[in-house]
Protein backbone atom coordinates (compact mmCIF):
# COMPACT_ATOMS: atom_id res chain seq x y z
CA MET A 1 105.95 86.12 187.25
CA LYS A 2 108.66 83.76 188.40
CA ILE A 3 107.43 80.18 189.51
CA THR A 4 109.94 77.84 191.20
CA VAL A 5 108.96 74.25 192.13
CA ILE A 6 110.70 73.43 195.42
CA SER A 7 109.25 70.10 196.23
CA ASP A 8 107.56 67.56 194.07
CA ASP A 9 107.27 63.75 193.63
CA ARG A 10 109.92 63.94 191.06
CA ALA A 11 113.32 66.05 190.78
CA LEU A 12 114.57 67.45 187.64
CA ARG A 13 118.17 67.70 189.19
CA LYS A 14 120.19 65.15 190.94
CA ASP A 15 121.12 67.44 193.87
CA LEU A 16 117.38 67.86 194.79
CA ILE A 17 115.36 65.55 196.88
CA ALA A 18 112.35 63.95 195.30
CA LYS A 19 109.43 63.15 197.65
CA HIS A 20 105.62 62.86 197.54
CA SER A 21 104.96 66.37 198.22
CA LEU A 22 104.23 69.76 196.66
CA SER A 23 105.58 73.25 197.34
CA ILE A 24 105.82 76.16 194.78
CA LEU A 25 107.21 79.57 195.25
CA VAL A 26 105.55 82.20 193.30
CA GLN A 27 106.91 85.78 192.77
CA HIS A 28 104.41 88.11 191.34
CA GLU A 29 105.79 91.56 190.88
CA PHE A 30 107.05 92.37 194.34
CA THR A 31 105.03 89.81 196.24
CA TYR A 32 106.15 86.17 197.25
CA VAL A 33 103.53 83.56 197.86
CA LEU A 34 104.44 80.06 198.95
CA PHE A 35 101.90 77.50 197.61
CA ASP A 36 101.94 74.51 199.93
CA MET A 37 104.90 73.72 202.10
CA GLY A 38 106.05 70.06 201.10
CA VAL A 39 105.80 66.88 203.25
CA ASP A 40 108.56 67.97 205.82
CA GLU A 41 111.09 70.61 206.79
CA ARG A 42 114.10 68.62 205.57
CA VAL A 43 113.10 68.48 201.97
CA LEU A 44 111.96 72.09 202.02
CA GLU A 45 115.07 73.30 203.54
CA HIS A 46 117.43 71.37 201.28
CA ASN A 47 115.69 72.06 198.14
CA SER A 48 115.09 75.72 198.67
CA ARG A 49 118.68 76.26 199.72
CA ILE A 50 120.01 74.52 196.43
CA LEU A 51 117.55 76.41 194.35
CA GLU A 52 118.24 79.72 196.19
CA ALA A 53 114.51 80.17 196.79
CA PRO A 54 114.27 83.06 199.22
CA LEU A 55 111.77 81.75 201.61
CA ASP A 56 112.62 84.43 204.11
CA LEU A 57 110.97 86.89 201.72
CA VAL A 58 107.63 85.08 201.67
CA ASP A 59 104.73 87.37 202.22
CA TYR A 60 101.98 84.80 202.33
CA VAL A 61 101.73 81.03 202.41
CA VAL A 62 98.75 79.18 200.94
CA VAL A 63 97.94 75.66 201.96
CA SER A 64 95.78 74.02 199.34
CA HIS A 65 94.31 71.17 201.63
CA GLU A 66 94.99 69.44 204.86
CA HIS A 67 97.14 66.59 203.61
CA THR A 68 100.59 66.21 205.02
CA PRO A 69 102.47 66.40 201.62
CA HIS A 70 101.12 69.93 201.38
CA TYR A 71 101.75 71.46 204.74
CA GLY A 72 104.40 69.14 206.40
CA GLY A 73 107.34 71.60 206.01
CA TYR A 74 105.72 74.28 208.19
CA LYS A 75 108.54 74.15 210.96
CA HIS A 76 110.92 75.33 208.41
CA ILE A 77 108.69 78.20 207.28
CA SER A 78 108.19 79.29 210.88
CA GLN A 79 111.86 79.64 211.07
CA GLU A 80 112.49 81.42 207.74
CA ALA A 81 109.34 83.59 207.81
CA PRO A 82 107.95 83.68 211.31
CA PHE A 83 104.54 85.30 211.96
CA THR A 84 103.53 84.96 208.32
CA ASP A 85 99.91 84.72 207.27
CA VAL A 86 99.07 81.14 206.23
CA TYR A 87 95.79 80.80 204.37
CA ILE A 88 94.18 77.40 205.24
CA PRO A 89 90.93 75.92 203.66
CA TYR A 90 87.56 75.82 205.61
CA GLY A 91 87.37 73.01 208.16
CA SER A 92 90.90 72.91 209.06
CA MET A 93 91.35 75.59 211.79
CA GLU A 94 90.91 73.21 214.75
CA SER A 95 93.49 70.91 213.50
CA LEU A 96 96.02 72.49 211.01
CA GLY A 97 95.32 75.92 212.30
CA ARG A 98 96.23 74.94 215.93
CA LEU A 99 99.36 73.33 214.66
CA LEU A 100 100.45 76.42 212.66
CA LEU A 101 99.56 78.81 215.59
CA ALA A 102 101.82 76.72 217.99
CA SER A 103 104.64 77.05 215.57
CA GLY A 104 104.49 80.90 215.40
CA LEU A 105 102.72 81.22 212.20
CA LYS A 106 99.37 82.98 211.68
CA PRO A 107 96.72 80.77 210.24
CA ARG A 108 93.75 82.33 208.27
CA GLU A 109 90.88 80.33 207.52
CA VAL A 110 89.38 80.64 204.05
CA VAL A 111 85.56 80.21 203.66
CA LYS A 112 84.90 82.29 200.55
CA TRP A 113 86.61 84.08 197.60
CA THR A 114 89.34 85.89 199.14
CA ILE A 115 91.63 88.82 197.89
CA ILE A 116 95.13 88.60 199.25
CA GLU A 117 96.52 91.37 197.31
CA ARG A 118 95.54 93.11 193.90
CA ASP A 119 95.43 90.43 191.29
CA ILE A 120 95.99 87.55 193.87
CA TYR A 121 92.87 85.56 194.91
CA LEU A 122 92.05 82.39 196.71
CA ALA A 123 89.05 80.50 195.21
CA THR A 124 86.29 79.40 197.59
CA PRO A 125 87.26 76.05 199.03
CA TYR A 126 85.55 73.13 197.27
CA TYR A 127 84.71 69.88 198.95
CA GLY A 128 86.69 66.91 197.69
CA PRO A 129 87.13 65.50 200.41
CA PRO A 130 88.79 67.28 201.94
CA TYR A 131 88.05 70.94 201.31
CA GLU A 132 90.54 72.41 198.87
CA GLN A 133 91.30 75.82 197.75
CA PHE A 134 93.18 77.20 194.71
CA LEU A 135 95.57 80.09 194.24
CA VAL A 136 94.56 82.31 191.26
CA ILE A 137 96.67 85.11 190.02
CA GLU A 138 95.63 87.61 187.22
CA HIS A 139 98.41 88.08 184.77
CA GLU A 140 98.49 90.19 181.57
CA LYS A 141 98.41 86.91 179.69
CA GLY A 142 95.44 85.51 181.55
CA LEU A 143 94.66 83.69 184.71
CA VAL A 144 97.51 81.52 186.23
CA MET A 145 96.00 78.95 188.72
CA PHE A 146 97.82 76.73 191.21
CA SER A 147 96.35 73.46 192.40
CA GLY A 148 97.42 71.03 195.06
CA CYS A 149 95.50 67.92 193.90
CA ILE A 150 92.16 69.10 192.66
CA HIS A 151 90.43 66.42 194.70
CA PRO A 152 87.04 68.05 193.77
CA GLY A 153 87.62 67.42 190.11
CA VAL A 154 89.05 69.38 187.23
CA GLU A 155 85.40 70.73 186.57
CA VAL A 156 86.03 73.36 189.22
CA ILE A 157 88.40 75.14 187.09
CA ARG A 158 85.48 76.02 184.83
CA ASP A 159 83.66 77.51 187.89
CA ILE A 160 86.75 79.49 188.79
CA VAL A 161 87.19 80.98 185.30
CA SER A 162 83.41 81.89 185.21
CA LYS A 163 83.81 83.73 188.60
CA VAL A 164 86.87 85.91 187.35
CA GLN A 165 85.43 86.05 183.76
CA LYS A 166 88.87 85.97 182.27
CA ASN A 167 90.67 83.40 180.02
CA ILE A 168 92.91 80.95 181.78
CA TYR A 169 96.47 81.05 180.65
CA ALA A 170 98.29 78.29 182.85
CA ILE A 171 97.31 75.52 185.31
CA ILE A 172 100.20 74.41 187.50
CA GLY A 173 100.13 71.70 190.15
CA GLY A 174 98.59 68.36 190.96
CA PHE A 175 95.50 66.80 189.14
CA HIS A 176 95.08 63.69 191.26
CA LEU A 177 94.76 61.34 188.29
CA ARG A 178 97.73 58.96 188.91
CA ASN A 179 95.47 55.97 189.66
CA ALA A 180 92.41 57.10 187.87
CA PRO A 181 90.67 54.90 185.08
CA LEU A 182 91.40 56.08 181.51
CA GLU A 183 87.74 57.40 181.12
CA VAL A 184 88.26 59.70 184.04
CA VAL A 185 91.60 60.91 182.63
CA GLU A 186 89.98 61.55 179.31
CA ARG A 187 86.97 63.50 180.82
CA ALA A 188 89.35 65.64 182.70
CA ILE A 189 91.30 66.47 179.34
CA ASN A 190 88.11 67.17 177.64
CA THR A 191 87.29 69.77 180.18
CA LEU A 192 90.79 71.28 179.80
CA ARG A 193 90.41 71.39 176.08
CA GLU A 194 87.12 73.35 176.48
CA LEU A 195 88.92 75.83 178.78
CA LYS A 196 91.86 76.14 176.33
CA PRO A 197 94.76 76.93 178.65
CA GLU A 198 98.00 77.92 176.96
CA LEU A 199 100.05 76.04 179.27
CA VAL A 200 99.62 72.97 181.72
CA VAL A 201 102.31 71.94 184.16
CA PRO A 202 101.30 68.77 185.83
CA LEU A 203 103.00 67.92 189.19
CA HIS A 204 102.78 65.78 192.20
CA CYS A 205 99.74 63.32 191.84
CA SER A 206 98.92 63.94 188.21
CA GLY A 207 100.14 60.60 186.68
CA GLU A 208 102.15 59.81 183.64
CA VAL A 209 99.09 58.54 181.76
CA PHE A 210 97.50 61.96 182.10
CA VAL A 211 100.64 63.80 180.93
CA GLU A 212 100.92 61.44 177.90
CA ARG A 213 97.30 61.91 176.93
CA LEU A 214 97.57 65.70 177.44
CA GLU A 215 100.41 65.83 174.85
CA LYS A 216 98.57 63.55 172.41
CA ARG A 217 95.52 65.63 172.69
CA GLY A 218 97.47 68.77 171.51
CA LEU A 219 97.74 70.70 174.87
CA ARG A 220 100.93 72.38 175.57
CA VAL A 221 102.62 70.67 178.59
CA ILE A 222 105.74 71.34 180.53
CA THR A 223 107.32 68.48 182.44
CA GLY A 224 107.31 69.44 186.00
CA GLY A 225 109.23 68.54 189.05
CA ALA A 226 111.43 69.92 191.80
CA GLY A 227 113.92 72.39 190.24
CA LEU A 228 111.61 73.55 187.54
CA VAL A 229 111.83 77.43 187.19
CA LEU A 230 109.27 79.00 184.90
CA GLU A 231 108.91 82.62 184.02
CA ILE A 232 105.54 84.01 182.66
């Protein structure tokens, strides 16, 4: 599995644009999934070109939730991969769905656990607010989970793991703890320690305090940002 962070709040290279957003290209075997589309088409186009991320090969797009930093680059996707299925969470068809449909993409509203392809799932959307869904991929090392912000709270990871009944290997994405009180951060870390992921890659809205505390508590952390390329 190859994971390329195209858009994020921070950039690991000077030739990439950092902006409050998230977009991750995941290649699992021969399937390409774009998890979130960033905040606008300019950032998505620029960074994907610099990183040589083949958005024209994208088979599926997953939008974690209906906040602009996660779907704003849709116009670029409609140019690079027109008529692509875009999986959006429950409750967003009348707004986000119409927007995507007008651009030539094919919105698919997710209301329950959904199998995209073998070993590639979307967890039931959880209410945050807003409703948020998670990309889950079964890998030989364990589950690899992608999150936009985890607005519903880190506890949903436990529910997802129990549903699939496999150990979690990696959690990659936003944790929505940037401005959270320390006790909330510690509670989230306690949950992660119970789940024992081999790898955590905090992105987007996770916050520096959360990252620092993760490392101090003994979890393996990789510093994320636009330009990160990870192979599992």
